[in-house]
Amino acid sequence: MIYHVVTSENWQKALAAGFYEAPSLHTEGFIHTSKKEQLAGVLERYYKGATNLLLLHIDENKLTALLKYELAPSVNELFPHIYGRLNMDAVIEVTEI
């Protein structure tokens, strides 16, 4: 299981479109995700004070795009990156943060 933080607004757009593309897919070439034990750090570093956030629970075995684990040098950890659109059937649960 991997996880992705998204705003409620962006998730509503994805539901309407039938797929999800994070802004980072266009700027960096992939969608940032994390393992469960990495979530607290991600929320602290990038979403402190943010509201209207959702957590996508993603079954990596259902992904149609390439998934690669890559080093984030700033924290010296391997993070899962999705290289392409997130297919909706890979999202098995959505919870509020």
PDB file of N, CA and C in Angstrom:
ATOM      1  N   MET A   1       0.836  -1.172   0.000  1.00  0.00           N
ATOM      2  CA  MET A   1       0.000   0.000   0.000  1.00  0.00           C
ATOM      3  C   MET A   1       0.890   1.248   0.000  1.00  0.00           C
ATOM      4  N   ILE A   2       0.547   2.196  -0.869  1.00  0.00           N
ATOM      5  CA  ILE A   2       1.211   3.487  -0.887  1.00  0.00           C
ATOM      6  C   ILE A   2       0.140   4.565  -0.740  1.00  0.00           C
ATOM      7  N   TYR A   3       0.578   5.779  -0.442  1.00  0.00           N
ATOM      8  CA  TYR A   3      -0.356   6.852  -0.101  1.00  0.00           C
ATOM      9  C   TYR A   3       0.015   8.140  -0.822  1.00  0.00           C
ATOM     10  N   HIS A   4      -1.025   8.939  -1.108  1.00  0.00           N
ATOM     11  CA  HIS A   4      -0.823  10.231  -1.753  1.00  0.00           C
ATOM     12  C   HIS A   4      -1.761  11.245  -1.120  1.00  0.00           C
ATOM     13  N   VAL A   5      -1.224  12.416  -0.816  1.00  0.00           N
ATOM     14  CA  VAL A   5      -2.001  13.509  -0.245  1.00  0.00           C
ATOM     15  C   VAL A   5      -2.513  14.380  -1.389  1.00  0.00           C
ATOM     16  N   VAL A   6      -3.792  14.706  -1.344  1.00  0.00           N
ATOM     17  CA  VAL A   6      -4.409  15.505  -2.403  1.00  0.00           C
ATOM     18  C   VAL A   6      -5.418  16.465  -1.783  1.00  0.00           C
ATOM     19  N   THR A   7      -5.625  17.602  -2.424  1.00  0.00           N
ATOM     20  CA  THR A   7      -6.669  18.506  -1.942  1.00  0.00           C
ATOM     21  C   THR A   7      -8.030  17.963  -2.363  1.00  0.00           C
ATOM     22  N   SER A   8      -9.031  18.303  -1.612  1.00  0.00           N
ATOM     23  CA  SER A   8     -10.394  17.878  -1.956  1.00  0.00           C
ATOM     24  C   SER A   8     -10.759  18.354  -3.353  1.00  0.00           C
ATOM     25  N   GLU A   9     -10.372  19.588  -3.676  1.00  0.00           N
ATOM     26  CA  GLU A   9     -10.692  20.163  -4.994  1.00  0.00           C
ATOM     27  C   GLU A   9     -10.063  19.348  -6.129  1.00  0.00           C
ATOM     28  N   ASN A  10      -8.777  19.011  -5.981  1.00  0.00           N
ATOM     29  CA  ASN A  10      -8.114  18.236  -7.032  1.00  0.00           C
ATOM     30  C   ASN A  10      -8.676  16.823  -7.142  1.00  0.00           C
ATOM     31  N   TRP A  11      -9.104  16.260  -6.026  1.00  0.00           N
ATOM     32  CA  TRP A  11      -9.690  14.924  -6.079  1.00  0.00           C
ATOM     33  C   TRP A  11     -11.053  14.962  -6.778  1.00  0.00           C
ATOM     34  N   GLN A  12     -11.828  16.000  -6.549  1.00  0.00           N
ATOM     35  CA  GLN A  12     -13.116  16.138  -7.238  1.00  0.00           C
ATOM     36  C   GLN A  12     -12.914  16.254  -8.748  1.00  0.00           C
ATOM     37  N   LYS A  13     -11.886  16.975  -9.162  1.00  0.00           N
ATOM     38  CA  LYS A  13     -11.560  17.087 -10.590  1.00  0.00           C
ATOM     39  C   LYS A  13     -11.186  15.720 -11.167  1.00  0.00           C
ATOM     40  N   ALA A  14     -10.434  14.957 -10.389  1.00  0.00           N
ATOM     41  CA  ALA A  14     -10.028  13.623 -10.844  1.00  0.00           C
ATOM     42  C   ALA A  14     -11.241  12.706 -10.995  1.00  0.00           C
ATOM     43  N   LEU A  15     -12.146  12.777 -10.042  1.00  0.00           N
ATOM     44  CA  LEU A  15     -13.354  11.951 -10.128  1.00  0.00           C
ATOM     45  C   LEU A  15     -14.150  12.287 -11.380  1.00  0.00           C
ATOM     46  N   ALA A  16     -14.231  13.552 -11.710  1.00  0.00           N
ATOM     47  CA  ALA A  16     -14.959  13.976 -12.908  1.00  0.00           C
ATOM     48  C   ALA A  16     -14.241  13.527 -14.184  1.00  0.00           C
ATOM     49  N   ALA A  17     -12.900  13.563 -14.153  1.00  0.00           N
ATOM     50  CA  ALA A  17     -12.104  13.202 -15.332  1.00  0.00           C
ATOM     51  C   ALA A  17     -11.967  11.697 -15.517  1.00  0.00           C
ATOM     52  N   GLY A  18     -12.033  10.941 -14.411  1.00  0.00           N
ATOM     53  CA  GLY A  18     -11.859   9.503 -14.492  1.00  0.00           C
ATOM     54  C   GLY A  18     -10.419   9.047 -14.297  1.00  0.00           C
ATOM     55  N   PHE A  19      -9.526   9.975 -13.969  1.00  0.00           N
ATOM     56  CA  PHE A  19      -8.133   9.661 -13.681  1.00  0.00           C
ATOM     57  C   PHE A  19      -7.565  10.812 -12.866  1.00  0.00           C
ATOM     58  N   TYR A  20      -6.402  10.573 -12.255  1.00  0.00           N
ATOM     59  CA  TYR A  20      -5.768  11.616 -11.443  1.00  0.00           C
ATOM     60  C   TYR A  20      -4.365  11.893 -11.960  1.00  0.00           C
ATOM     61  N   GLU A  21      -4.068  13.187 -12.124  1.00  0.00           N
ATOM     62  CA  GLU A  21      -2.727  13.641 -12.464  1.00  0.00           C
ATOM     63  C   GLU A  21      -2.344  14.732 -11.467  1.00  0.00           C
ATOM     64  N   ALA A  22      -1.389  14.449 -10.622  1.00  0.00           N
ATOM     65  CA  ALA A  22      -0.902  15.458  -9.680  1.00  0.00           C
ATOM     66  C   ALA A  22      -0.149  16.531 -10.454  1.00  0.00           C
ATOM     67  N   PRO A  23      -0.116  17.752  -9.942  1.00  0.00           N
ATOM     68  CA  PRO A  23       0.680  18.796 -10.599  1.00  0.00           C
ATOM     69  C   PRO A  23       2.131  18.368 -10.840  1.00  0.00           C
ATOM     70  N   SER A  24       2.684  17.567  -9.932  1.00  0.00           N
ATOM     71  CA  SER A  24       4.078  17.131 -10.078  1.00  0.00           C
ATOM     72  C   SER A  24       4.294  16.236 -11.296  1.00  0.00           C
ATOM     73  N   LEU A  25       3.243  15.600 -11.794  1.00  0.00           N
ATOM     74  CA  LEU A  25       3.383  14.764 -12.989  1.00  0.00           C
ATOM     75  C   LEU A  25       3.832  15.622 -14.168  1.00  0.00           C
ATOM     76  N   HIS A  26       3.329  16.851 -14.238  1.00  0.00           N
ATOM     77  CA  HIS A  26       3.687  17.752 -15.331  1.00  0.00           C
ATOM     78  C   HIS A  26       4.995  18.490 -15.077  1.00  0.00           C
ATOM     79  N   THR A  27       5.324  18.747 -13.822  1.00  0.00           N
ATOM     80  CA  THR A  27       6.536  19.507 -13.522  1.00  0.00           C
ATOM     81  C   THR A  27       7.761  18.628 -13.269  1.00  0.00           C
ATOM     82  N   GLU A  28       7.536  17.420 -12.713  1.00  0.00           N
ATOM     83  CA  GLU A  28       8.661  16.545 -12.374  1.00  0.00           C
ATOM     84  C   GLU A  28       8.629  15.202 -13.103  1.00  0.00           C
ATOM     85  N   GLY A  29       7.501  14.896 -13.738  1.00  0.00           N
ATOM     86  CA  GLY A  29       7.397  13.653 -14.497  1.00  0.00           C
ATOM     87  C   GLY A  29       6.829  12.479 -13.721  1.00  0.00           C
ATOM     88  N   PHE A  30       6.445  12.689 -12.459  1.00  0.00           N
ATOM     89  CA  PHE A  30       5.888  11.605 -11.658  1.00  0.00           C
ATOM     90  C   PHE A  30       4.987  12.163 -10.570  1.00  0.00           C
ATOM     91  N   ILE A  31       4.197  11.257  -9.965  1.00  0.00           N
ATOM     92  CA  ILE A  31       3.340  11.589  -8.832  1.00  0.00           C
ATOM     93  C   ILE A  31       4.041  11.114  -7.569  1.00  0.00           C
ATOM     94  N   HIS A  32       4.208  12.022  -6.617  1.00  0.00           N
ATOM     95  CA  HIS A  32       4.821  11.673  -5.338  1.00  0.00           C
ATOM     96  C   HIS A  32       3.855  10.827  -4.507  1.00  0.00           C
ATOM     97  N   THR A  33       4.343   9.734  -3.958  1.00  0.00           N
ATOM     98  CA  THR A  33       3.585   8.946  -2.992  1.00  0.00           C
ATOM     99  C   THR A  33       4.537   8.558  -1.867  1.00  0.00           C
ATOM    100  N   SER A  34       3.992   7.925  -0.853  1.00  0.00           N
ATOM    101  CA  SER A  34       4.836   7.518   0.272  1.00  0.00           C
ATOM    102  C   SER A  34       4.304   6.232   0.887  1.00  0.00           C
ATOM    103  N   LYS A  35       5.144   5.623   1.676  1.00  0.00           N
ATOM    104  CA  LYS A  35       4.743   4.476   2.479  1.00  0.00           C
ATOM    105  C   LYS A  35       4.117   5.020   3.761  1.00  0.00           C
ATOM    106  N   LYS A  36       3.404   4.179   4.488  1.00  0.00           N
ATOM    107  CA  LYS A  36       2.681   4.616   5.681  1.00  0.00           C
ATOM    108  C   LYS A  36       3.608   5.276   6.698  1.00  0.00           C
ATOM    109  N   GLU A  37       4.773   4.698   6.910  1.00  0.00           N
ATOM    110  CA  GLU A  37       5.692   5.232   7.915  1.00  0.00           C
ATOM    111  C   GLU A  37       6.316   6.566   7.498  1.00  0.00           C
ATOM    112  N   GLN A  38       6.154   6.970   6.246  1.00  0.00           N
ATOM    113  CA  GLN A  38       6.687   8.241   5.761  1.00  0.00           C
ATOM    114  C   GLN A  38       5.668   9.376   5.801  1.00  0.00           C
ATOM    115  N   LEU A  39       4.409   9.052   6.030  1.00  0.00           N
ATOM    116  CA  LEU A  39       3.335  10.047   5.957  1.00  0.00           C
ATOM    117  C   LEU A  39       3.492  11.213   6.920  1.00  0.00           C
ATOM    118  N   ALA A  40       3.816  10.945   8.159  1.00  0.00           N
ATOM    119  CA  ALA A  40       3.929  12.020   9.150  1.00  0.00           C
ATOM    120  C   ALA A  40       4.968  13.047   8.713  1.00  0.00           C
ATOM    121  N   GLY A  41       6.097  12.588   8.230  1.00  0.00           N
ATOM    122  CA  GLY A  41       7.138  13.496   7.763  1.00  0.00           C
ATOM    123  C   GLY A  41       6.704  14.302   6.549  1.00  0.00           C
ATOM    124  N   VAL A  42       6.024  13.664   5.626  1.00  0.00           N
ATOM    125  CA  VAL A  42       5.528  14.350   4.423  1.00  0.00           C
ATOM    126  C   VAL A  42       4.536  15.440   4.816  1.00  0.00           C
ATOM    127  N   LEU A  43       3.610  15.109   5.697  1.00  0.00           N
ATOM    128  CA  LEU A  43       2.618  16.095   6.135  1.00  0.00           C
ATOM    129  C   LEU A  43       3.277  17.265   6.850  1.00  0.00           C
ATOM    130  N   GLU A  44       4.262  16.985   7.663  1.00  0.00           N
ATOM    131  CA  GLU A  44       4.958  18.040   8.401  1.00  0.00           C
ATOM    132  C   GLU A  44       5.763  18.949   7.456  1.00  0.00           C
ATOM    133  N   ARG A  45       6.459  18.340   6.485  1.00  0.00           N
ATOM    134  CA  ARG A  45       7.328  19.121   5.586  1.00  0.00           C
ATOM    135  C   ARG A  45       6.553  19.930   4.546  1.00  0.00           C
ATOM    136  N   TYR A  46       5.466  19.351   3.999  1.00  0.00           N
ATOM    137  CA  TYR A  46       4.842  19.951   2.823  1.00  0.00           C
ATOM    138  C   TYR A  46       3.403  20.443   3.018  1.00  0.00           C
ATOM    139  N   TYR A  47       2.739  20.024   4.081  1.00  0.00           N
ATOM    140  CA  TYR A  47       1.320  20.360   4.223  1.00  0.00           C
ATOM    141  C   TYR A  47       0.968  20.988   5.558  1.00  0.00           C
ATOM    142  N   LYS A  48       1.944  21.477   6.283  1.00  0.00           N
ATOM    143  CA  LYS A  48       1.708  22.067   7.594  1.00  0.00           C
ATOM    144  C   LYS A  48       0.720  23.235   7.464  1.00  0.00           C
ATOM    145  N   GLY A  49      -0.361  23.181   8.219  1.00  0.00           N
ATOM    146  CA  GLY A  49      -1.368  24.227   8.199  1.00  0.00           C
ATOM    147  C   GLY A  49      -2.372  24.128   7.063  1.00  0.00           C
ATOM    148  N   ALA A  50      -2.193  23.174   6.150  1.00  0.00           N
ATOM    149  CA  ALA A  50      -3.115  23.027   5.020  1.00  0.00           C
ATOM    150  C   ALA A  50      -4.435  22.420   5.491  1.00  0.00           C
ATOM    151  N   THR A  51      -5.494  22.763   4.792  1.00  0.00           N
ATOM    152  CA  THR A  51      -6.819  22.231   5.111  1.00  0.00           C
ATOM    153  C   THR A  51      -7.414  21.565   3.876  1.00  0.00           C
ATOM    154  N   ASN A  52      -8.534  20.883   4.088  1.00  0.00           N
ATOM    155  CA  ASN A  52      -9.250  20.200   2.994  1.00  0.00           C
ATOM    156  C   ASN A  52      -8.375  19.187   2.270  1.00  0.00           C
ATOM    157  N   LEU A  53      -7.615  18.411   3.048  1.00  0.00           N
ATOM    158  CA  LEU A  53      -6.739  17.398   2.469  1.00  0.00           C
ATOM    159  C   LEU A  53      -7.353  16.016   2.600  1.00  0.00           C
ATOM    160  N   LEU A  54      -7.084  15.205   1.590  1.00  0.00           N
ATOM    161  CA  LEU A  54      -7.512  13.809   1.585  1.00  0.00           C
ATOM    162  C   LEU A  54      -6.281  12.923   1.415  1.00  0.00           C
ATOM    163  N   LEU A  55      -6.396  11.701   1.897  1.00  0.00           N
ATOM    164  CA  LEU A  55      -5.334  10.718   1.736  1.00  0.00           C
ATOM    165  C   LEU A  55      -5.840   9.601   0.846  1.00  0.00           C
ATOM    166  N   LEU A  56      -5.158   9.402  -0.277  1.00  0.00           N
ATOM    167  CA  LEU A  56      -5.498   8.313  -1.178  1.00  0.00           C
ATOM    168  C   LEU A  56      -4.721   7.081  -0.752  1.00  0.00           C
ATOM    169  N   HIS A  57      -5.429   5.980  -0.549  1.00  0.00           N
ATOM    170  CA  HIS A  57      -4.826   4.689  -0.228  1.00  0.00           C
ATOM    171  C   HIS A  57      -4.748   3.934  -1.556  1.00  0.00           C
ATOM    172  N   ILE A  58      -3.556   3.673  -2.014  1.00  0.00           N
ATOM    173  CA  ILE A  58      -3.343   3.137  -3.358  1.00  0.00           C
ATOM    174  C   ILE A  58      -2.759   1.730  -3.292  1.00  0.00           C
ATOM    175  N   ASP A  59      -3.411   0.810  -3.977  1.00  0.00           N
ATOM    176  CA  ASP A  59      -2.905  -0.559  -4.110  1.00  0.00           C
ATOM    177  C   ASP A  59      -1.922  -0.564  -5.277  1.00  0.00           C
ATOM    178  N   GLU A  60      -0.647  -0.627  -4.974  1.00  0.00           N
ATOM    179  CA  GLU A  60       0.362  -0.533  -6.027  1.00  0.00           C
ATOM    180  C   GLU A  60       0.286  -1.678  -7.027  1.00  0.00           C
ATOM    181  N   ASN A  61      -0.326  -2.797  -6.648  1.00  0.00           N
ATOM    182  CA  ASN A  61      -0.480  -3.923  -7.575  1.00  0.00           C
ATOM    183  C   ASN A  61      -1.516  -3.641  -8.655  1.00  0.00           C
ATOM    184  N   LYS A  62      -2.343  -2.621  -8.460  1.00  0.00           N
ATOM    185  CA  LYS A  62      -3.371  -2.273  -9.439  1.00  0.00           C
ATOM    186  C   LYS A  62      -2.973  -1.110 -10.346  1.00  0.00           C
ATOM    187  N   LEU A  63      -1.805  -0.538 -10.115  1.00  0.00           N
ATOM    188  CA  LEU A  63      -1.361   0.590 -10.927  1.00  0.00           C
ATOM    189  C   LEU A  63      -1.135   0.171 -12.375  1.00  0.00           C
ATOM    190  N   THR A  64      -1.542   1.025 -13.291  1.00  0.00           N
ATOM    191  CA  THR A  64      -1.265   0.772 -14.707  1.00  0.00           C
ATOM    192  C   THR A  64      -0.014   1.531 -15.156  1.00  0.00           C
ATOM    193  N   ALA A  65       0.410   2.531 -14.395  1.00  0.00           N
ATOM    194  CA  ALA A  65       1.628   3.292 -14.694  1.00  0.00           C
ATOM    195  C   ALA A  65       2.804   2.684 -13.926  1.00  0.00           C
ATOM    196  N   LEU A  66       3.985   3.004 -14.378  1.00  0.00           N
ATOM    197  CA  LEU A  66       5.210   2.510 -13.757  1.00  0.00           C
ATOM    198  C   LEU A  66       5.389   3.078 -12.352  1.00  0.00           C
ATOM    199  N   LEU A  67       5.749   2.229 -11.406  1.00  0.00           N
ATOM    200  CA  LEU A  67       6.054   2.635 -10.036  1.00  0.00           C
ATOM    201  C   LEU A  67       7.537   2.377  -9.788  1.00  0.00           C
ATOM    202  N   LYS A  68       8.252   3.419  -9.356  1.00  0.00           N
ATOM    203  CA  LYS A  68       9.683   3.285  -9.058  1.00  0.00           C
ATOM    204  C   LYS A  68       9.955   3.864  -7.681  1.00  0.00           C
ATOM    205  N   TYR A  69      10.800   3.195  -6.914  1.00  0.00           N
ATOM    206  CA  TYR A  69      11.263   3.717  -5.625  1.00  0.00           C
ATOM    207  C   TYR A  69      12.563   4.466  -5.882  1.00  0.00           C
ATOM    208  N   GLU A  70      12.563   5.740  -5.454  1.00  0.00           N
ATOM    209  CA  GLU A  70      13.726   6.572  -5.726  1.00  0.00           C
ATOM    210  C   GLU A  70      14.127   7.340  -4.471  1.00  0.00           C
ATOM    211  N   LEU A  71      15.414   7.613  -4.392  1.00  0.00           N
ATOM    212  CA  LEU A  71      15.973   8.296  -3.229  1.00  0.00           C
ATOM    213  C   LEU A  71      15.607   9.774  -3.224  1.00  0.00           C
ATOM    214  N   ALA A  72      15.117  10.230  -2.075  1.00  0.00           N
ATOM    215  CA  ALA A  72      14.928  11.658  -1.827  1.00  0.00           C
ATOM    216  C   ALA A  72      16.121  12.082  -0.971  1.00  0.00           C
ATOM    217  N   PRO A  73      17.136  12.697  -1.582  1.00  0.00           N
ATOM    218  CA  PRO A  73      18.367  13.018  -0.856  1.00  0.00           C
ATOM    219  C   PRO A  73      18.152  13.916   0.366  1.00  0.00           C
ATOM    220  N   SER A  74      17.133  14.769   0.331  1.00  0.00           N
ATOM    221  CA  SER A  74      16.921  15.699   1.442  1.00  0.00           C
ATOM    222  C   SER A  74      16.606  14.984   2.754  1.00  0.00           C
ATOM    223  N   VAL A  75      16.020  13.790   2.661  1.00  0.00           N
ATOM    224  CA  VAL A  75      15.699  13.020   3.868  1.00  0.00           C
ATOM    225  C   VAL A  75      16.345  11.637   3.853  1.00  0.00           C
ATOM    226  N   ASN A  76      17.088  11.340   2.793  1.00  0.00           N
ATOM    227  CA  ASN A  76      17.793  10.069   2.645  1.00  0.00           C
ATOM    228  C   ASN A  76      16.856   8.869   2.796  1.00  0.00           C
ATOM    229  N   GLU A  77      15.718   8.932   2.093  1.00  0.00           N
ATOM    230  CA  GLU A  77      14.742   7.839   2.104  1.00  0.00           C
ATOM    231  C   GLU A  77      14.306   7.518   0.684  1.00  0.00           C
ATOM    232  N   LEU A  78      13.930   6.272   0.465  1.00  0.00           N
ATOM    233  CA  LEU A  78      13.360   5.864  -0.810  1.00  0.00           C
ATOM    234  C   LEU A  78      11.857   6.112  -0.781  1.00  0.00           C
ATOM    235  N   PHE A  79      11.359   6.824  -1.797  1.00  0.00           N
ATOM    236  CA  PHE A  79       9.932   7.093  -1.906  1.00  0.00           C
ATOM    237  C   PHE A  79       9.394   6.496  -3.198  1.00  0.00           C
ATOM    238  N   PRO A  80       8.146   6.001  -3.165  1.00  0.00           N
ATOM    239  CA  PRO A  80       7.524   5.485  -4.386  1.00  0.00           C
ATOM    240  C   PRO A  80       7.030   6.644  -5.260  1.00  0.00           C
ATOM    241  N   HIS A  81       7.359   6.562  -6.540  1.00  0.00           N
ATOM    242  CA  HIS A  81       6.934   7.557  -7.516  1.00  0.00           C
ATOM    243  C   HIS A  81       6.158   6.864  -8.633  1.00  0.00           C
ATOM    244  N   ILE A  82       5.018   7.439  -8.993  1.00  0.00           N
ATOM    245  CA  ILE A  82       4.185   6.890 -10.069  1.00  0.00           C
ATOM    246  C   ILE A  82       4.473   7.690 -11.331  1.00  0.00           C
ATOM    247  N   TYR A  83       4.975   7.022 -12.358  1.00  0.00           N
ATOM    248  CA  TYR A  83       5.330   7.669 -13.617  1.00  0.00           C
ATOM    249  C   TYR A  83       4.181   7.557 -14.617  1.00  0.00           C
ATOM    250  N   GLY A  84       3.169   8.370 -14.393  1.00  0.00           N
ATOM    251  CA  GLY A  84       2.006   8.403 -15.277  1.00  0.00           C
ATOM    252  C   GLY A  84       0.756   8.710 -14.482  1.00  0.00           C
ATOM    253  N   ARG A  85      -0.365   8.690 -15.162  1.00  0.00           N
ATOM    254  CA  ARG A  85      -1.649   8.935 -14.511  1.00  0.00           C
ATOM    255  C   ARG A  85      -1.950   7.857 -13.478  1.00  0.00           C
ATOM    256  N   LEU A  86      -2.637   8.265 -12.434  1.00  0.00           N
ATOM    257  CA  LEU A  86      -3.115   7.316 -11.426  1.00  0.00           C
ATOM    258  C   LEU A  86      -4.487   6.828 -11.866  1.00  0.00           C
ATOM    259  N   ASN A  87      -4.594   5.547 -12.161  1.00  0.00           N
ATOM    260  CA  ASN A  87      -5.877   4.966 -12.537  1.00  0.00           C
ATOM    261  C   ASN A  87      -6.751   4.828 -11.292  1.00  0.00           C
ATOM    262  N   MET A  88      -8.007   5.192 -11.437  1.00  0.00           N
ATOM    263  CA  MET A  88      -8.909   5.296 -10.299  1.00  0.00           C
ATOM    264  C   MET A  88      -9.153   3.968  -9.570  1.00  0.00           C
ATOM    265  N   ASP A  89      -9.105   2.861 -10.291  1.00  0.00           N
ATOM    266  CA  ASP A  89      -9.353   1.576  -9.643  1.00  0.00           C
ATOM    267  C   ASP A  89      -8.217   1.139  -8.726  1.00  0.00           C
ATOM    268  N   ALA A  90      -7.078   1.820  -8.790  1.00  0.00           N
ATOM    269  CA  ALA A  90      -5.969   1.522  -7.880  1.00  0.00           C
ATOM    270  C   ALA A  90      -6.177   2.204  -6.522  1.00  0.00           C
ATOM    271  N   VAL A  91      -7.064   3.189  -6.469  1.00  0.00           N
ATOM    272  CA  VAL A  91      -7.364   3.892  -5.223  1.00  0.00           C
ATOM    273  C   VAL A  91      -8.445   3.093  -4.502  1.00  0.00           C
ATOM    274  N   ILE A  92      -8.056   2.433  -3.413  1.00  0.00           N
ATOM    275  CA  ILE A  92      -9.013   1.546  -2.741  1.00  0.00           C
ATOM    276  C   ILE A  92      -9.724   2.210  -1.570  1.00  0.00           C
ATOM    277  N   GLU A  93      -9.203   3.366  -1.125  1.00  0.00           N
ATOM    278  CA  GLU A  93      -9.860   4.089  -0.049  1.00  0.00           C
ATOM    279  C   GLU A  93      -9.408   5.541  -0.089  1.00  0.00           C
ATOM    280  N   VAL A  94     -10.298   6.429   0.324  1.00  0.00           N
ATOM    281  CA  VAL A  94      -9.983   7.859   0.444  1.00  0.00           C
ATOM    282  C   VAL A  94     -10.423   8.286   1.830  1.00  0.00           C
ATOM    283  N   THR A  95      -9.494   8.849   2.603  1.00  0.00           N
ATOM    284  CA  THR A  95      -9.830   9.303   3.958  1.00  0.00           C
ATOM    285  C   THR A  95      -9.458  10.766   4.121  1.00  0.00           C
ATOM    286  N   GLU A  96     -10.166  11.442   5.032  1.00  0.00           N
ATOM    287  CA  GLU A  96      -9.846  12.833   5.335  1.00  0.00           C
ATOM    288  C   GLU A  96      -8.642  12.895   6.256  1.00  0.00           C
ATOM    289  N   ILE A  97      -7.837  13.926   6.056  1.00  0.00           N
ATOM    290  CA  ILE A  97      -6.677  14.146   6.933  1.00  0.00           C
ATOM    291  C   ILE A  97      -7.061  15.215   7.939  1.00  0.00           C
TER     292      ILE A  97
END
